[in-house]
């Protein structure tokens, strides 16, 4: 409590991988699939929890390779259990790329 006001604190989990930073795309993708499967199982049982995703590069491949999980994933997004935040196709390091790169990243994300 601060003064007479009670604070609400929200802890919203997410994970982030810098695409191709230390591992290959395929290695990060494998970890992403394991995380998504675990996440979907968890959210099915715990509707009060929310989860943020910060890029779509791995989700695109997930949708292509795991069609049997797409409806579960869509339902979690539509129910706002999973939300995309601060996102683009990848989450770029804004200190490095040019403005054009950042804009194109956002445009690709919109597709």
N, C-alpha and C. Protein backbone atom coordinates (compact mmCIF):
# COMPACT_ATOMS: atom_id res chain seq x y z
N UNK A 1 0.85 -1.16 0.00
CA UNK A 1 0.00 0.00 0.00
C UNK A 1 0.90 1.23 0.00
N UNK A 2 0.56 2.21 -0.83
CA UNK A 2 1.28 3.47 -0.91
C UNK A 2 0.35 4.56 -0.42
N UNK A 3 0.67 5.16 0.69
CA UNK A 3 -0.26 6.14 1.26
C UNK A 3 -1.58 5.46 1.54
N UNK A 4 -2.65 6.01 1.04
CA UNK A 4 -3.98 5.41 1.18
C UNK A 4 -4.38 4.59 -0.03
N UNK A 5 -3.50 4.49 -1.01
CA UNK A 5 -3.83 3.78 -2.25
C UNK A 5 -3.24 2.38 -2.25
N UNK A 6 -4.05 1.44 -2.64
CA UNK A 6 -3.57 0.07 -2.80
C UNK A 6 -3.15 -0.09 -4.26
N UNK A 7 -1.98 -0.62 -4.47
CA UNK A 7 -1.47 -0.82 -5.82
C UNK A 7 -1.86 -2.18 -6.35
N UNK A 8 -2.16 -2.24 -7.65
CA UNK A 8 -2.32 -3.52 -8.33
C UNK A 8 -1.06 -3.73 -9.16
N UNK A 9 -0.48 -4.87 -9.00
CA UNK A 9 0.73 -5.20 -9.75
C UNK A 9 0.39 -6.35 -10.70
N UNK A 10 0.73 -6.15 -11.97
CA UNK A 10 0.49 -7.16 -12.98
C UNK A 10 1.83 -7.74 -13.43
N UNK A 11 1.94 -9.03 -13.40
CA UNK A 11 3.12 -9.71 -13.91
C UNK A 11 2.66 -10.48 -15.13
N UNK A 12 3.16 -10.07 -16.30
CA UNK A 12 2.72 -10.69 -17.55
C UNK A 12 3.94 -11.34 -18.20
N UNK A 13 3.96 -12.66 -18.23
CA UNK A 13 5.13 -13.36 -18.77
C UNK A 13 5.21 -13.31 -20.29
N UNK A 14 6.41 -13.43 -20.78
CA UNK A 14 6.65 -13.59 -22.21
C UNK A 14 8.05 -14.16 -22.39
N UNK A 15 8.35 -14.57 -23.59
CA UNK A 15 9.72 -14.96 -23.90
C UNK A 15 10.13 -14.22 -25.16
N UNK A 16 11.42 -14.08 -25.34
CA UNK A 16 11.94 -13.38 -26.51
C UNK A 16 13.21 -14.09 -26.97
N UNK A 17 13.28 -14.31 -28.27
CA UNK A 17 14.50 -14.84 -28.87
C UNK A 17 14.97 -13.84 -29.92
N UNK A 18 16.23 -13.50 -29.90
CA UNK A 18 16.80 -12.72 -31.00
C UNK A 18 17.03 -13.71 -32.13
N UNK A 19 16.24 -13.58 -33.18
CA UNK A 19 16.32 -14.54 -34.29
C UNK A 19 17.76 -14.63 -34.78
N UNK A 20 18.28 -15.84 -34.79
CA UNK A 20 19.62 -16.14 -35.30
C UNK A 20 20.75 -15.52 -34.49
N UNK A 21 20.52 -15.20 -33.23
CA UNK A 21 21.58 -14.57 -32.44
C UNK A 21 22.63 -15.60 -32.02
N UNK A 22 22.25 -16.57 -31.19
CA UNK A 22 23.21 -17.57 -30.74
C UNK A 22 22.91 -18.96 -31.30
N UNK A 23 21.68 -19.19 -31.67
CA UNK A 23 21.27 -20.48 -32.22
C UNK A 23 20.74 -20.28 -33.63
N UNK A 24 20.56 -21.37 -34.34
CA UNK A 24 19.97 -21.27 -35.67
C UNK A 24 18.47 -21.03 -35.56
N UNK A 25 17.88 -20.61 -36.66
CA UNK A 25 16.43 -20.41 -36.69
C UNK A 25 15.72 -21.69 -36.26
N UNK A 26 16.16 -22.83 -36.78
CA UNK A 26 15.52 -24.11 -36.47
C UNK A 26 15.63 -24.45 -34.98
N UNK A 27 16.77 -24.16 -34.38
CA UNK A 27 16.93 -24.45 -32.94
C UNK A 27 16.00 -23.57 -32.10
N UNK A 28 15.92 -22.28 -32.45
CA UNK A 28 14.99 -21.40 -31.73
C UNK A 28 13.54 -21.81 -32.00
N UNK A 29 13.27 -22.23 -33.23
CA UNK A 29 11.91 -22.66 -33.56
C UNK A 29 11.50 -23.87 -32.73
N UNK A 30 12.40 -24.82 -32.57
CA UNK A 30 12.10 -26.01 -31.75
C UNK A 30 11.75 -25.60 -30.32
N UNK A 31 12.52 -24.68 -29.75
CA UNK A 31 12.23 -24.18 -28.40
C UNK A 31 10.89 -23.47 -28.38
N UNK A 32 10.61 -22.69 -29.42
CA UNK A 32 9.33 -21.97 -29.50
C UNK A 32 8.16 -22.93 -29.51
N UNK A 33 8.25 -23.99 -30.30
CA UNK A 33 7.16 -24.98 -30.36
C UNK A 33 6.94 -25.60 -28.99
N UNK A 34 8.01 -26.00 -28.33
CA UNK A 34 7.87 -26.58 -26.98
C UNK A 34 7.19 -25.58 -26.04
N UNK A 35 7.61 -24.32 -26.12
CA UNK A 35 7.00 -23.28 -25.27
C UNK A 35 5.53 -23.07 -25.59
N UNK A 36 5.19 -23.03 -26.88
CA UNK A 36 3.79 -22.80 -27.26
C UNK A 36 2.91 -23.96 -26.82
N UNK A 37 3.37 -25.18 -27.01
CA UNK A 37 2.58 -26.35 -26.59
C UNK A 37 2.35 -26.29 -25.08
N UNK A 38 3.40 -26.04 -24.32
CA UNK A 38 3.25 -25.92 -22.86
C UNK A 38 2.32 -24.77 -22.50
N UNK A 39 2.49 -23.64 -23.19
CA UNK A 39 1.67 -22.46 -22.92
C UNK A 39 0.19 -22.74 -23.19
N UNK A 40 -0.12 -23.36 -24.32
CA UNK A 40 -1.52 -23.65 -24.65
C UNK A 40 -2.16 -24.59 -23.62
N UNK A 41 -1.41 -25.59 -23.20
CA UNK A 41 -1.92 -26.50 -22.16
C UNK A 41 -2.17 -25.75 -20.86
N UNK A 42 -1.24 -24.88 -20.49
CA UNK A 42 -1.38 -24.10 -19.26
C UNK A 42 -2.57 -23.16 -19.33
N UNK A 43 -2.71 -22.44 -20.44
CA UNK A 43 -3.79 -21.46 -20.56
C UNK A 43 -5.17 -22.11 -20.63
N UNK A 44 -5.23 -23.34 -21.13
CA UNK A 44 -6.51 -24.07 -21.14
C UNK A 44 -7.03 -24.28 -19.72
N UNK A 45 -6.12 -24.47 -18.79
CA UNK A 45 -6.49 -24.75 -17.40
C UNK A 45 -6.51 -23.50 -16.53
N UNK A 46 -5.89 -22.42 -16.99
CA UNK A 46 -5.71 -21.22 -16.17
C UNK A 46 -6.10 -19.98 -16.96
N UNK A 47 -7.39 -19.73 -17.09
CA UNK A 47 -7.89 -18.63 -17.91
C UNK A 47 -7.59 -17.25 -17.34
N UNK A 48 -7.18 -17.18 -16.09
CA UNK A 48 -6.89 -15.88 -15.50
C UNK A 48 -5.50 -15.36 -15.89
N UNK A 49 -4.69 -16.21 -16.50
CA UNK A 49 -3.34 -15.82 -16.90
C UNK A 49 -3.34 -15.26 -18.32
N UNK A 50 -2.38 -14.38 -18.58
CA UNK A 50 -2.17 -13.80 -19.90
C UNK A 50 -0.71 -14.02 -20.28
N UNK A 51 -0.46 -13.98 -21.58
CA UNK A 51 0.91 -14.16 -22.07
C UNK A 51 1.13 -13.24 -23.25
N UNK A 52 2.31 -12.63 -23.33
CA UNK A 52 2.66 -11.74 -24.44
C UNK A 52 3.67 -12.39 -25.36
N UNK A 53 3.46 -12.19 -26.65
CA UNK A 53 4.45 -12.56 -27.66
C UNK A 53 4.92 -11.28 -28.32
N UNK A 54 6.22 -11.18 -28.59
CA UNK A 54 6.76 -9.93 -29.10
C UNK A 54 7.23 -9.98 -30.54
N UNK A 55 7.02 -11.09 -31.23
CA UNK A 55 7.38 -11.17 -32.64
C UNK A 55 6.64 -12.33 -33.29
N UNK A 56 6.49 -12.25 -34.61
CA UNK A 56 5.70 -13.28 -35.30
C UNK A 56 6.52 -14.22 -36.17
N UNK A 57 7.81 -14.01 -36.27
CA UNK A 57 8.63 -14.81 -37.18
C UNK A 57 8.48 -16.31 -36.91
N UNK A 58 8.44 -16.70 -35.64
CA UNK A 58 8.32 -18.13 -35.32
C UNK A 58 6.87 -18.60 -35.38
N UNK A 59 5.93 -17.71 -35.16
CA UNK A 59 4.51 -18.07 -35.19
C UNK A 59 4.10 -18.44 -36.61
N UNK A 60 4.62 -17.72 -37.59
CA UNK A 60 4.32 -18.01 -38.99
C UNK A 60 4.66 -19.46 -39.32
N UNK A 61 5.84 -19.90 -38.94
CA UNK A 61 6.27 -21.28 -39.21
C UNK A 61 5.47 -22.27 -38.36
N UNK A 62 5.17 -21.89 -37.13
CA UNK A 62 4.37 -22.74 -36.25
C UNK A 62 3.02 -23.05 -36.89
N UNK A 63 2.37 -22.04 -37.44
CA UNK A 63 1.06 -22.21 -38.09
C UNK A 63 1.18 -23.15 -39.29
N UNK A 64 2.26 -23.04 -40.04
CA UNK A 64 2.47 -23.90 -41.21
C UNK A 64 2.74 -25.35 -40.81
N UNK A 65 3.53 -25.56 -39.77
CA UNK A 65 3.99 -26.91 -39.44
C UNK A 65 3.14 -27.65 -38.41
N UNK A 66 2.30 -26.92 -37.70
CA UNK A 66 1.47 -27.55 -36.66
C UNK A 66 0.00 -27.15 -36.82
N UNK A 67 -0.60 -27.51 -37.96
CA UNK A 67 -1.99 -27.10 -38.21
C UNK A 67 -2.96 -27.64 -37.16
N UNK A 68 -2.61 -28.74 -36.52
CA UNK A 68 -3.49 -29.32 -35.51
C UNK A 68 -3.58 -28.44 -34.25
N UNK A 69 -2.65 -27.51 -34.09
CA UNK A 69 -2.67 -26.63 -32.91
C UNK A 69 -3.13 -25.21 -33.23
N UNK A 70 -3.38 -24.93 -34.50
CA UNK A 70 -3.73 -23.56 -34.91
C UNK A 70 -5.01 -23.09 -34.25
N UNK A 71 -6.04 -23.92 -34.20
CA UNK A 71 -7.31 -23.48 -33.61
C UNK A 71 -7.16 -23.16 -32.13
N UNK A 72 -6.41 -23.98 -31.42
CA UNK A 72 -6.15 -23.70 -29.99
C UNK A 72 -5.43 -22.37 -29.84
N UNK A 73 -4.44 -22.15 -30.70
CA UNK A 73 -3.67 -20.92 -30.65
C UNK A 73 -4.56 -19.72 -30.96
N UNK A 74 -5.35 -19.82 -32.03
CA UNK A 74 -6.26 -18.73 -32.41
C UNK A 74 -7.24 -18.42 -31.29
N UNK A 75 -7.77 -19.46 -30.69
CA UNK A 75 -8.74 -19.27 -29.59
C UNK A 75 -8.09 -18.51 -28.44
N UNK A 76 -6.85 -18.85 -28.12
CA UNK A 76 -6.14 -18.15 -27.04
C UNK A 76 -5.90 -16.69 -27.39
N UNK A 77 -5.60 -16.41 -28.67
CA UNK A 77 -5.40 -15.02 -29.11
C UNK A 77 -6.73 -14.27 -29.08
N UNK A 78 -7.78 -14.89 -29.62
CA UNK A 78 -9.10 -14.24 -29.65
C UNK A 78 -9.63 -13.99 -28.24
N UNK A 79 -9.29 -14.85 -27.31
CA UNK A 79 -9.72 -14.70 -25.92
C UNK A 79 -8.81 -13.75 -25.13
N UNK A 80 -7.81 -13.22 -25.81
CA UNK A 80 -6.84 -12.31 -25.20
C UNK A 80 -6.02 -12.96 -24.09
N UNK A 81 -5.87 -14.28 -24.18
CA UNK A 81 -4.96 -14.97 -23.28
C UNK A 81 -3.53 -14.82 -23.79
N UNK A 82 -3.41 -14.72 -25.11
CA UNK A 82 -2.13 -14.44 -25.75
C UNK A 82 -2.30 -13.13 -26.52
N UNK A 83 -1.37 -12.20 -26.31
CA UNK A 83 -1.41 -10.93 -27.03
C UNK A 83 -0.05 -10.65 -27.65
N UNK A 84 -0.09 -10.06 -28.83
CA UNK A 84 1.14 -9.62 -29.49
C UNK A 84 1.41 -8.18 -29.08
N UNK A 85 2.60 -7.92 -28.59
CA UNK A 85 2.96 -6.59 -28.09
C UNK A 85 4.29 -6.13 -28.68
N UNK A 86 4.45 -4.83 -28.78
CA UNK A 86 5.72 -4.23 -29.22
C UNK A 86 6.26 -4.96 -30.44
N UNK A 87 5.39 -5.37 -31.29
CA UNK A 87 5.77 -6.41 -32.21
C UNK A 87 6.00 -5.95 -33.62
N UNK A 88 6.70 -6.79 -34.28
CA UNK A 88 6.90 -6.74 -35.70
C UNK A 88 7.13 -8.18 -36.11
N UNK A 89 7.63 -8.36 -37.28
CA UNK A 89 7.95 -9.71 -37.73
C UNK A 89 9.02 -10.28 -36.80
N UNK A 90 10.03 -9.47 -36.53
CA UNK A 90 10.99 -9.75 -35.46
C UNK A 90 10.98 -8.53 -34.56
N UNK A 91 11.54 -8.66 -33.37
CA UNK A 91 11.66 -7.48 -32.52
C UNK A 91 13.09 -6.97 -32.69
N UNK A 92 13.25 -5.93 -33.49
CA UNK A 92 14.61 -5.48 -33.80
C UNK A 92 15.23 -4.69 -32.66
N UNK A 93 16.54 -4.67 -32.69
CA UNK A 93 17.29 -3.79 -31.79
C UNK A 93 17.22 -2.40 -32.40
N UNK A 94 16.45 -1.53 -31.82
CA UNK A 94 16.23 -0.21 -32.43
C UNK A 94 17.46 0.68 -32.39
N UNK A 95 18.52 0.26 -31.75
CA UNK A 95 19.76 1.04 -31.75
C UNK A 95 20.62 0.76 -32.98
N UNK A 96 20.33 -0.31 -33.70
CA UNK A 96 21.20 -0.71 -34.79
C UNK A 96 20.62 -0.42 -36.18
N UNK A 97 19.42 -0.92 -36.52
CA UNK A 97 18.95 -0.81 -37.90
C UNK A 97 18.49 0.59 -38.28
N UNK A 98 18.35 0.76 -39.58
CA UNK A 98 17.86 2.03 -40.11
C UNK A 98 16.35 2.14 -39.90
N UNK A 99 15.84 3.34 -40.06
CA UNK A 99 14.40 3.56 -39.95
C UNK A 99 13.62 2.74 -40.96
N UNK A 100 14.18 2.58 -42.17
CA UNK A 100 13.50 1.80 -43.20
C UNK A 100 13.34 0.35 -42.75
N UNK A 101 14.38 -0.21 -42.14
CA UNK A 101 14.28 -1.58 -41.65
C UNK A 101 13.16 -1.71 -40.63
N UNK A 102 13.08 -0.76 -39.71
CA UNK A 102 12.03 -0.81 -38.69
C UNK A 102 10.65 -0.73 -39.33
N UNK A 103 10.49 0.16 -40.31
CA UNK A 103 9.19 0.30 -40.99
C UNK A 103 8.82 -0.97 -41.75
N UNK A 104 9.77 -1.55 -42.47
CA UNK A 104 9.48 -2.78 -43.23
C UNK A 104 9.13 -3.93 -42.28
N UNK A 105 9.80 -4.00 -41.16
CA UNK A 105 9.52 -5.03 -40.16
C UNK A 105 8.07 -4.94 -39.69
N UNK A 106 7.60 -3.73 -39.46
CA UNK A 106 6.22 -3.54 -39.02
C UNK A 106 5.25 -3.89 -40.14
N UNK A 107 5.57 -3.51 -41.38
CA UNK A 107 4.70 -3.82 -42.53
C UNK A 107 4.57 -5.33 -42.70
N UNK A 108 5.68 -6.06 -42.61
CA UNK A 108 5.63 -7.52 -42.73
C UNK A 108 4.78 -8.11 -41.62
N UNK A 109 4.89 -7.58 -40.41
CA UNK A 109 4.09 -8.06 -39.28
C UNK A 109 2.60 -7.90 -39.55
N UNK A 110 2.20 -6.84 -40.22
CA UNK A 110 0.78 -6.57 -40.47
C UNK A 110 0.14 -7.60 -41.39
N UNK A 111 0.95 -8.31 -42.18
CA UNK A 111 0.41 -9.33 -43.10
C UNK A 111 -0.03 -10.49 -42.29
